[in-house]
Amino acid sequence: MKRLLSNLGLALLLFASVAAAQQSASSTSPSAASAQNDAANRQGGSPTSPMPGRVTGDTPTRVQQELDQHLPQDAQVTASVADDGTLKLTGTVKSDADKAKAEEIARKTSNKDINNQIQVKAAENPR
């Protein structure tokens, strides 16, 4: 009887240690999981990827928030995802400097490829 209880106790300890090892392996940190995902995805599809590539996640939203904060109020610029997966900037601004600033903001906020389609429209002078 003692031998049976001893074997049962050993089996229980072995089972508990295997379960604990599996749980610690499955609870990797989000950054480690992201790094593993980036390694598998050479296009850099993860929003936190250090590699340029396809835009995913909340990247357009973050870029749009930065554009809204740093561009003049009369600038009408929208950040979105283009069909080819790049970050697309569209809309109108009043100067080439504002267009360049919008692209600079997008590059600082996201390391993804930028497709700058912003048009410069000078303010019309009233006659």
C-alpha atoms as a PDB file:
ATOM      1  CA  MET A   1       0.000   0.000   0.000  1.00  0.00           C
ATOM      2  CA  LYS A   2       2.858   2.355   0.874  1.00  0.00           C
ATOM      3  CA  ARG A   3       4.490   1.608  -2.461  1.00  0.00           C
ATOM      4  CA  LEU A   4       1.252   2.438  -4.325  1.00  0.00           C
ATOM      5  CA  LEU A   5       0.870   5.761  -2.501  1.00  0.00           C
ATOM      6  CA  SER A   6       4.527   6.550  -3.127  1.00  0.00           C
ATOM      7  CA  ASN A   7       4.173   5.896  -6.867  1.00  0.00           C
ATOM      8  CA  LEU A   8       0.967   7.909  -6.985  1.00  0.00           C
ATOM      9  CA  GLY A   9       2.670  10.853  -5.265  1.00  0.00           C
ATOM     10  CA  LEU A  10       5.588  10.715  -7.680  1.00  0.00           C
ATOM     11  CA  ALA A  11       3.245  10.666 -10.671  1.00  0.00           C
ATOM     12  CA  LEU A  12       1.359  13.662  -9.270  1.00  0.00           C
ATOM     13  CA  LEU A  13       4.595  15.642  -8.819  1.00  0.00           C
ATOM     14  CA  LEU A  14       5.729  14.790 -12.331  1.00  0.00           C
ATOM     15  CA  PHE A  15       2.387  15.867 -13.789  1.00  0.00           C
ATOM     16  CA  ALA A  16       2.453  19.161 -11.851  1.00  0.00           C
ATOM     17  CA  SER A  17       5.974  20.010 -13.035  1.00  0.00           C
ATOM     18  CA  VAL A  18       5.099  19.299 -16.699  1.00  0.00           C
ATOM     19  CA  ALA A  19       1.962  21.455 -16.451  1.00  0.00           C
ATOM     20  CA  ALA A  20       3.946  24.325 -14.910  1.00  0.00           C
ATOM     21  CA  ALA A  21       6.578  24.135 -17.665  1.00  0.00           C
ATOM     22  CA  GLN A  22       3.925  24.247 -20.385  1.00  0.00           C
ATOM     23  CA  GLN A  23       2.214  27.233 -18.796  1.00  0.00           C
ATOM     24  CA  SER A  24       5.444  29.255 -18.529  1.00  0.00           C
ATOM     25  CA  ALA A  25       6.318  28.474 -22.153  1.00  0.00           C
ATOM     26  CA  SER A  26       2.902  29.591 -23.422  1.00  0.00           C
ATOM     27  CA  SER A  27       2.927  32.880 -21.506  1.00  0.00           C
ATOM     28  CA  THR A  28       5.722  34.625 -23.420  1.00  0.00           C
ATOM     29  CA  SER A  29       5.778  38.383 -23.288  1.00  0.00           C
ATOM     30  CA  PRO A  30       4.013  40.355 -26.066  1.00  0.00           C
ATOM     31  CA  SER A  31       7.325  41.800 -27.234  1.00  0.00           C
ATOM     32  CA  ALA A  32       8.847  38.330 -27.516  1.00  0.00           C
ATOM     33  CA  ALA A  33       5.805  37.111 -29.420  1.00  0.00           C
ATOM     34  CA  SER A  34       6.038  40.177 -31.677  1.00  0.00           C
ATOM     35  CA  ALA A  35       9.718  39.517 -32.309  1.00  0.00           C
ATOM     36  CA  GLN A  36       8.936  35.913 -33.220  1.00  0.00           C
ATOM     37  CA  ASN A  37       6.160  37.134 -35.523  1.00  0.00           C
ATOM     38  CA  ASP A  38       8.501  39.667 -37.152  1.00  0.00           C
ATOM     39  CA  ALA A  39      11.135  37.015 -37.720  1.00  0.00           C
ATOM     40  CA  ALA A  40       8.581  34.887 -39.534  1.00  0.00           C
ATOM     41  CA  ASN A  41       7.142  37.862 -41.453  1.00  0.00           C
ATOM     42  CA  ARG A  42       9.963  39.453 -43.411  1.00  0.00           C
ATOM     43  CA  GLN A  43       7.625  42.227 -44.630  1.00  0.00           C
ATOM     44  CA  GLY A  44       7.503  43.679 -41.130  1.00  0.00           C
ATOM     45  CA  GLY A  45       3.725  43.453 -40.876  1.00  0.00           C
ATOM     46  CA  SER A  46       3.559  43.896 -37.138  1.00  0.00           C
ATOM     47  CA  PRO A  47       2.815  47.487 -36.066  1.00  0.00           C
ATOM     48  CA  THR A  48       5.704  47.260 -33.611  1.00  0.00           C
ATOM     49  CA  SER A  49       8.058  45.744 -36.134  1.00  0.00           C
ATOM     50  CA  PRO A  50      11.426  47.448 -36.435  1.00  0.00           C
ATOM     51  CA  MET A  51      11.381  46.575 -40.125  1.00  0.00           C
ATOM     52  CA  PRO A  52       9.643  48.719 -42.724  1.00  0.00           C
ATOM     53  CA  GLY A  53       6.879  47.014 -44.632  1.00  0.00           C
ATOM     54  CA  ARG A  54       3.147  46.508 -44.677  1.00  0.00           C
ATOM     55  CA  VAL A  55       1.076  48.721 -42.433  1.00  0.00           C
ATOM     56  CA  THR A  56      -1.200  46.928 -39.972  1.00  0.00           C
ATOM     57  CA  GLY A  57      -2.852  47.565 -36.633  1.00  0.00           C
ATOM     58  CA  ASP A  58      -3.358  51.052 -35.294  1.00  0.00           C
ATOM     59  CA  THR A  59      -0.526  52.659 -37.281  1.00  0.00           C
ATOM     60  CA  PRO A  60      -2.784  54.899 -39.435  1.00  0.00           C
ATOM     61  CA  THR A  61      -4.652  56.051 -36.315  1.00  0.00           C
ATOM     62  CA  ARG A  62      -1.452  56.968 -34.484  1.00  0.00           C
ATOM     63  CA  VAL A  63      -0.099  58.801 -37.533  1.00  0.00           C
ATOM     64  CA  GLN A  64      -3.412  60.646 -37.989  1.00  0.00           C
ATOM     65  CA  GLN A  65      -3.342  61.820 -34.372  1.00  0.00           C
ATOM     66  CA  GLU A  66       0.196  63.182 -34.809  1.00  0.00           C
ATOM     67  CA  LEU A  67      -0.735  64.884 -38.093  1.00  0.00           C
ATOM     68  CA  ASP A  68      -3.760  66.530 -36.458  1.00  0.00           C
ATOM     69  CA  GLN A  69      -1.571  67.836 -33.622  1.00  0.00           C
ATOM     70  CA  HIS A  70       1.361  69.154 -35.658  1.00  0.00           C
ATOM     71  CA  LEU A  71      -0.006  70.366 -38.999  1.00  0.00           C
ATOM     72  CA  PRO A  72      -1.810  73.696 -39.475  1.00  0.00           C
ATOM     73  CA  GLN A  73      -5.542  73.503 -38.846  1.00  0.00           C
ATOM     74  CA  ASP A  74      -6.362  74.258 -42.480  1.00  0.00           C
ATOM     75  CA  ALA A  75      -4.380  71.197 -43.652  1.00  0.00           C
ATOM     76  CA  GLN A  76      -6.660  68.381 -44.736  1.00  0.00           C
ATOM     77  CA  VAL A  77      -4.468  65.290 -44.546  1.00  0.00           C
ATOM     78  CA  THR A  78      -5.623  61.713 -44.021  1.00  0.00           C
ATOM     79  CA  ALA A  79      -3.448  58.716 -43.155  1.00  0.00           C
ATOM     80  CA  SER A  80      -4.690  55.339 -44.397  1.00  0.00           C
ATOM     81  CA  VAL A  81      -3.459  51.991 -45.668  1.00  0.00           C
ATOM     82  CA  ALA A  82      -2.872  51.777 -49.428  1.00  0.00           C
ATOM     83  CA  ASP A  83      -3.676  48.644 -51.429  1.00  0.00           C
ATOM     84  CA  ASP A  84       0.008  47.729 -51.525  1.00  0.00           C
ATOM     85  CA  GLY A  85       0.233  47.856 -47.719  1.00  0.00           C
ATOM     86  CA  THR A  86       2.083  51.159 -47.429  1.00  0.00           C
ATOM     87  CA  LEU A  87       0.977  54.100 -45.308  1.00  0.00           C
ATOM     88  CA  LYS A  88      -0.833  56.471 -47.666  1.00  0.00           C
ATOM     89  CA  LEU A  89      -1.099  60.191 -47.017  1.00  0.00           C
ATOM     90  CA  THR A  90      -3.784  62.007 -48.999  1.00  0.00           C
ATOM     91  CA  GLY A  91      -5.420  65.418 -48.908  1.00  0.00           C
ATOM     92  CA  THR A  92      -4.344  69.004 -49.411  1.00  0.00           C
ATOM     93  CA  VAL A  93      -1.985  71.457 -47.749  1.00  0.00           C
ATOM     94  CA  LYS A  94      -1.038  75.051 -48.574  1.00  0.00           C
ATOM     95  CA  SER A  95       2.717  74.620 -49.038  1.00  0.00           C
ATOM     96  CA  ASP A  96       5.452  72.192 -49.977  1.00  0.00           C
ATOM     97  CA  ALA A  97       6.823  72.668 -46.466  1.00  0.00           C
ATOM     98  CA  ASP A  98       3.542  71.377 -44.957  1.00  0.00           C
ATOM     99  CA  LYS A  99       3.618  68.398 -47.333  1.00  0.00           C
ATOM    100  CA  ALA A 100       7.196  67.590 -46.296  1.00  0.00           C
ATOM    101  CA  LYS A 101       6.298  68.068 -42.625  1.00  0.00           C
ATOM    102  CA  ALA A 102       3.387  65.616 -42.951  1.00  0.00           C
ATOM    103  CA  GLU A 103       5.694  62.991 -44.444  1.00  0.00           C
ATOM    104  CA  GLU A 104       8.295  63.617 -41.732  1.00  0.00           C
ATOM    105  CA  ILE A 105       5.636  63.183 -39.024  1.00  0.00           C
ATOM    106  CA  ALA A 106       4.478  59.933 -40.636  1.00  0.00           C
ATOM    107  CA  ARG A 107       8.057  58.618 -40.797  1.00  0.00           C
ATOM    108  CA  LYS A 108       8.735  59.504 -37.150  1.00  0.00           C
ATOM    109  CA  THR A 109       5.461  57.943 -35.968  1.00  0.00           C
ATOM    110  CA  SER A 110       5.789  54.813 -38.099  1.00  0.00           C
ATOM    111  CA  ASN A 111       8.815  53.211 -39.696  1.00  0.00           C
ATOM    112  CA  LYS A 112       6.635  51.897 -42.515  1.00  0.00           C
ATOM    113  CA  ASP A 113       6.865  52.832 -46.194  1.00  0.00           C
ATOM    114  CA  ILE A 114       5.109  56.137 -46.949  1.00  0.00           C
ATOM    115  CA  ASN A 115       3.075  56.803 -50.098  1.00  0.00           C
ATOM    116  CA  ASN A 116       2.740  60.605 -50.018  1.00  0.00           C
ATOM    117  CA  GLN A 117      -0.094  61.675 -52.316  1.00  0.00           C
ATOM    118  CA  ILE A 118      -0.753  65.016 -50.598  1.00  0.00           C
ATOM    119  CA  GLN A 119      -1.468  67.838 -53.044  1.00  0.00           C
ATOM    120  CA  VAL A 120      -0.272  71.391 -52.511  1.00  0.00           C
ATOM    121  CA  LYS A 121      -2.950  73.978 -53.190  1.00  0.00           C
ATOM    122  CA  ALA A 122      -1.958  77.569 -52.612  1.00  0.00           C
ATOM    123  CA  ALA A 123      -4.488  79.804 -50.902  1.00  0.00           C
ATOM    124  CA  GLU A 124      -6.566  81.775 -53.368  1.00  0.00           C
ATOM    125  CA  ASN A 125      -6.153  85.545 -53.112  1.00  0.00           C
ATOM    126  CA  PRO A 126      -9.433  87.447 -53.049  1.00  0.00           C
ATOM    127  CA  ARG A 127      -9.596  90.140 -55.745  1.00  0.00           C
END
